[in-house]
C-alpha atoms as a PDB file:
ATOM      1  CA  MET A   1      34.168  24.048  19.408  1.00  0.00           C
ATOM      2  CA  LYS A   2      35.779  22.938  22.653  1.00  0.00           C
ATOM      3  CA  ILE A   3      37.927  19.808  22.738  1.00  0.00           C
ATOM      4  CA  THR A   4      35.473  18.286  25.226  1.00  0.00           C
ATOM      5  CA  GLU A   5      32.587  18.815  22.799  1.00  0.00           C
ATOM      6  CA  ALA A   6      34.570  17.358  19.912  1.00  0.00           C
ATOM      7  CA  LEU A   7      35.519  14.323  21.987  1.00  0.00           C
ATOM      8  CA  GLU A   8      31.862  13.754  22.862  1.00  0.00           C
ATOM      9  CA  VAL A   9      30.982  13.838  19.140  1.00  0.00           C
ATOM     10  CA  GLU A  10      33.706  11.246  18.578  1.00  0.00           C
ATOM     11  CA  HIS A  11      32.177   9.141  21.372  1.00  0.00           C
ATOM     12  CA  GLU A  12      28.885   9.088  19.469  1.00  0.00           C
ATOM     13  CA  LEU A  13      30.590   7.973  16.272  1.00  0.00           C
ATOM     14  CA  LEU A  14      32.538   5.317  18.165  1.00  0.00           C
ATOM     15  CA  ARG A  15      29.327   4.120  19.821  1.00  0.00           C
ATOM     16  CA  GLN A  16      27.931   3.473  16.336  1.00  0.00           C
ATOM     17  CA  MET A  17      31.001   1.384  15.519  1.00  0.00           C
ATOM     18  CA  ILE A  18      30.646  -0.432  18.856  1.00  0.00           C
ATOM     19  CA  GLU A  19      27.013  -1.199  18.041  1.00  0.00           C
ATOM     20  CA  ALA A  20      28.040  -2.612  14.665  1.00  0.00           C
ATOM     21  CA  MET A  21      30.683  -4.806  16.303  1.00  0.00           C
ATOM     22  CA  SER A  22      28.153  -5.967  18.877  1.00  0.00           C
ATOM     23  CA  GLN A  23      25.801  -6.937  16.068  1.00  0.00           C
ATOM     24  CA  TRP A  24      28.542  -8.877  14.285  1.00  0.00           C
ATOM     25  CA  LEU A  25      29.355 -10.711  17.506  1.00  0.00           C
ATOM     26  CA  THR A  26      25.736 -11.749  17.983  1.00  0.00           C
ATOM     27  CA  GLU A  27      25.498 -12.831  14.341  1.00  0.00           C
ATOM     28  CA  SER A  28      28.397 -15.262  14.842  1.00  0.00           C
ATOM     29  CA  VAL A  29      30.654 -13.697  12.231  1.00  0.00           C
ATOM     30  CA  ALA A  30      33.712 -15.893  11.674  1.00  0.00           C
ATOM     31  CA  PRO A  31      36.738 -15.096  13.891  1.00  0.00           C
ATOM     32  CA  ASP A  32      38.962 -14.067  10.952  1.00  0.00           C
ATOM     33  CA  LYS A  33      36.275 -11.633   9.736  1.00  0.00           C
ATOM     34  CA  LEU A  34      35.832 -10.276  13.280  1.00  0.00           C
ATOM     35  CA  ARG A  35      39.564  -9.599  13.456  1.00  0.00           C
ATOM     36  CA  GLU A  36      39.428  -7.726  10.131  1.00  0.00           C
ATOM     37  CA  ARG A  37      36.514  -5.604  11.320  1.00  0.00           C
ATOM     38  CA  ALA A  38      38.122  -5.078  14.724  1.00  0.00           C
ATOM     39  CA  ILE A  39      41.059  -3.348  13.037  1.00  0.00           C
ATOM     40  CA  MET A  40      38.779  -0.470  11.990  1.00  0.00           C
ATOM     41  CA  LEU A  41      37.432  -0.140  15.527  1.00  0.00           C
ATOM     42  CA  GLU A  42      40.927  -0.355  17.005  1.00  0.00           C
ATOM     43  CA  VAL A  43      42.275   2.417  14.783  1.00  0.00           C
ATOM     44  CA  ALA A  44      39.319   4.673  15.562  1.00  0.00           C
ATOM     45  CA  ILE A  45      39.471   4.078  19.324  1.00  0.00           C
ATOM     46  CA  ASP A  46      43.251   4.430  19.468  1.00  0.00           C
ATOM     47  CA  ASP A  47      43.182   7.676  17.469  1.00  0.00           C
ATOM     48  CA  HIS A  48      40.527   9.027  19.828  1.00  0.00           C
ATOM     49  CA  ALA A  49      42.446   7.924  22.941  1.00  0.00           C
ATOM     50  CA  ALA A  50      45.660   9.507  21.655  1.00  0.00           C
ATOM     51  CA  ARG A  51      43.822  12.791  21.059  1.00  0.00           C
ATOM     52  CA  GLU A  52      42.451  12.715  24.616  1.00  0.00           C
ATOM     53  CA  GLU A  53      45.856  11.925  26.085  1.00  0.00           C
ATOM     54  CA  GLU A  54      47.757  14.555  24.109  1.00  0.00           C
ATOM     55  CA  GLN A  55      45.259  17.396  23.913  1.00  0.00           C
ATOM     56  CA  LEU A  56      43.380  17.122  27.195  1.00  0.00           C
ATOM     57  CA  PHE A  57      44.700  14.671  29.769  1.00  0.00           C
ATOM     58  CA  ALA A  58      48.241  16.030  29.958  1.00  0.00           C
ATOM     59  CA  SER A  59      47.084  19.526  30.875  1.00  0.00           C
ATOM     60  CA  LEU A  60      44.213  18.366  33.065  1.00  0.00           C
ATOM     61  CA  SER A  61      46.425  16.108  35.177  1.00  0.00           C
ATOM     62  CA  ALA A  62      48.603  19.122  36.053  1.00  0.00           C
ATOM     63  CA  CYS A  63      45.620  20.959  37.591  1.00  0.00           C
ATOM     64  CA  SER A  64      45.130  19.004  40.821  1.00  0.00           C
ATOM     65  CA  ASN A  65      45.728  15.683  42.540  1.00  0.00           C
ATOM     66  CA  SER A  66      42.142  14.590  41.983  1.00  0.00           C
ATOM     67  CA  ALA A  67      42.386  15.454  38.286  1.00  0.00           C
ATOM     68  CA  ARG A  68      45.670  13.538  38.017  1.00  0.00           C
ATOM     69  CA  GLU A  69      44.110  10.492  39.722  1.00  0.00           C
ATOM     70  CA  LEU A  70      41.113  10.569  37.387  1.00  0.00           C
ATOM     71  CA  VAL A  71      43.325  10.951  34.320  1.00  0.00           C
ATOM     72  CA  ASN A  72      45.483   8.050  35.507  1.00  0.00           C
ATOM     73  CA  LEU A  73      42.384   5.846  35.729  1.00  0.00           C
ATOM     74  CA  MET A  74      41.302   6.872  32.227  1.00  0.00           C
ATOM     75  CA  GLU A  75      44.754   6.157  30.825  1.00  0.00           C
ATOM     76  CA  MET A  76      44.763   2.734  32.503  1.00  0.00           C
ATOM     77  CA  VAL A  77      41.607   1.862  30.564  1.00  0.00           C
ATOM     78  CA  HIS A  78      43.207   3.109  27.336  1.00  0.00           C
ATOM     79  CA  THR A  79      46.149   0.781  27.990  1.00  0.00           C
ATOM     80  CA  GLU A  80      43.889  -2.145  28.836  1.00  0.00           C
ATOM     81  CA  VAL A  81      41.876  -1.678  25.638  1.00  0.00           C
ATOM     82  CA  ARG A  82      45.073  -1.477  23.559  1.00  0.00           C
ATOM     83  CA  ASP A  83      46.286  -4.714  25.178  1.00  0.00           C
ATOM     84  CA  LEU A  84      42.966  -6.417  24.455  1.00  0.00           C
ATOM     85  CA  PHE A  85      43.150  -5.401  20.792  1.00  0.00           C
ATOM     86  CA  GLU A  86      46.611  -7.020  20.638  1.00  0.00           C
ATOM     87  CA  GLN A  87      45.006 -10.244  21.895  1.00  0.00           C
ATOM     88  CA  VAL A  88      42.236  -9.937  19.293  1.00  0.00           C
ATOM     89  CA  ALA A  89      44.897  -9.863  16.559  1.00  0.00           C
ATOM     90  CA  ASN A  90      46.230 -13.285  17.609  1.00  0.00           C
ATOM     91  CA  PRO A  91      44.981 -15.718  14.939  1.00  0.00           C
ATOM     92  CA  ALA A  92      45.308 -18.666  17.331  1.00  0.00           C
ATOM     93  CA  ARG A  93      42.523 -17.298  19.548  1.00  0.00           C
ATOM     94  CA  ASP A  94      38.839 -16.699  19.089  1.00  0.00           C
ATOM     95  CA  PRO A  95      38.564 -12.908  19.526  1.00  0.00           C
ATOM     96  CA  LYS A  96      34.971 -12.832  20.798  1.00  0.00           C
ATOM     97  CA  GLU A  97      35.678 -12.668  24.540  1.00  0.00           C
ATOM     98  CA  GLN A  98      38.224  -9.885  24.138  1.00  0.00           C
ATOM     99  CA  LEU A  99      35.929  -7.964  21.787  1.00  0.00           C
ATOM    100  CA  TRP A 100      33.000  -8.167  24.209  1.00  0.00           C
ATOM    101  CA  THR A 101      35.318  -6.910  26.961  1.00  0.00           C
ATOM    102  CA  ILE A 102      36.519  -4.043  24.754  1.00  0.00           C
ATOM    103  CA  LEU A 103      32.933  -3.046  23.969  1.00  0.00           C
ATOM    104  CA  MET A 104      31.927  -3.094  27.633  1.00  0.00           C
ATOM    105  CA  LEU A 105      35.030  -1.254  28.874  1.00  0.00           C
ATOM    106  CA  THR A 106      34.834   1.380  26.163  1.00  0.00           C
ATOM    107  CA  THR A 107      31.141   2.072  26.659  1.00  0.00           C
ATOM    108  CA  GLU A 108      31.581   2.473  30.419  1.00  0.00           C
ATOM    109  CA  HIS A 109      34.720   4.538  29.869  1.00  0.00           C
ATOM    110  CA  PHE A 110      32.948   7.016  27.584  1.00  0.00           C
ATOM    111  CA  THR A 111      30.260   7.559  30.203  1.00  0.00           C
ATOM    112  CA  LYS A 112      32.888   8.218  32.898  1.00  0.00           C
ATOM    113  CA  GLU A 113      34.628  10.721  30.665  1.00  0.00           C
ATOM    114  CA  GLU A 114      31.387  12.496  29.783  1.00  0.00           C
ATOM    115  CA  THR A 115      30.155  12.683  33.379  1.00  0.00           C
ATOM    116  CA  GLY A 116      33.472  13.154  35.181  1.00  0.00           C
ATOM    117  CA  VAL A 117      36.513  14.036  33.106  1.00  0.00           C
ATOM    118  CA  PHE A 118      35.013  16.479  30.604  1.00  0.00           C
ATOM    119  CA  PRO A 119      33.060  18.525  33.178  1.00  0.00           C
ATOM    120  CA  MET A 120      36.196  18.646  35.364  1.00  0.00           C
ATOM    121  CA  ALA A 121      38.248  19.845  32.396  1.00  0.00           C
ATOM    122  CA  GLU A 122      35.725  22.575  31.670  1.00  0.00           C
ATOM    123  CA  ARG A 123      35.910  23.717  35.310  1.00  0.00           C
ATOM    124  CA  LEU A 124      39.685  23.588  35.675  1.00  0.00           C
ATOM    125  CA  LEU A 125      41.077  24.505  32.260  1.00  0.00           C
ATOM    126  CA  ASP A 126      40.922  27.929  30.667  1.00  0.00           C
ATOM    127  CA  ALA A 127      38.234  28.296  27.996  1.00  0.00           C
ATOM    128  CA  ASP A 128      40.831  29.539  25.503  1.00  0.00           C
ATOM    129  CA  PHE A 129      42.880  26.393  26.063  1.00  0.00           C
ATOM    130  CA  LEU A 130      39.856  24.176  25.466  1.00  0.00           C
ATOM    131  CA  ASP A 131      39.049  25.993  22.198  1.00  0.00           C
ATOM    132  CA  VAL A 132      42.548  26.482  20.842  1.00  0.00           C
ATOM    133  CA  HIS A 133      43.850  22.961  21.453  1.00  0.00           C
ATOM    134  CA  TYR A 134      41.342  21.094  19.340  1.00  0.00           C
ATOM    135  CA  SER A 135      42.648  20.052  15.952  1.00  0.00           C
END
C-alpha cells in the first residue's frame, strides 16, 4: 500500500470522528465533556499530521518549488489546527467555536490533500519510496 493510499484511509476514519464531534456539538454536549472528547480527536489528527509531515511532506517539498509551496500551505493548516486544539483545552473558554473551526478546516484540508497533494506526490515521488516509507 502506498503512503498516499494509507493517508486517505486515515482521512476516512478521521471523517467519522469529525462527524461524531459535529453531532456532539449540535446536541449541546457540556463544554467539559466536549473538551474530553476533543482530546481523542486531537490525538488522532495530530498523529496523522505528523505521519504526513515526516513520511511524505519532507520528501515532496524537495521535488519542486510548487510542491514546496503546497506543502508549506498544508503545514500551516496543521499548525493552525494544533493551535486551535490548545485553545479548546482552556477550561475558561467554551470550546464550541474552536471545535467548529477545527472541523471545517480539517474537512477542507483533507479534500485539498486528496485532490492536490497526494496526486502530486504520486507524480513526483518514486513508487518505491511511496511503498517503502509507509509504516
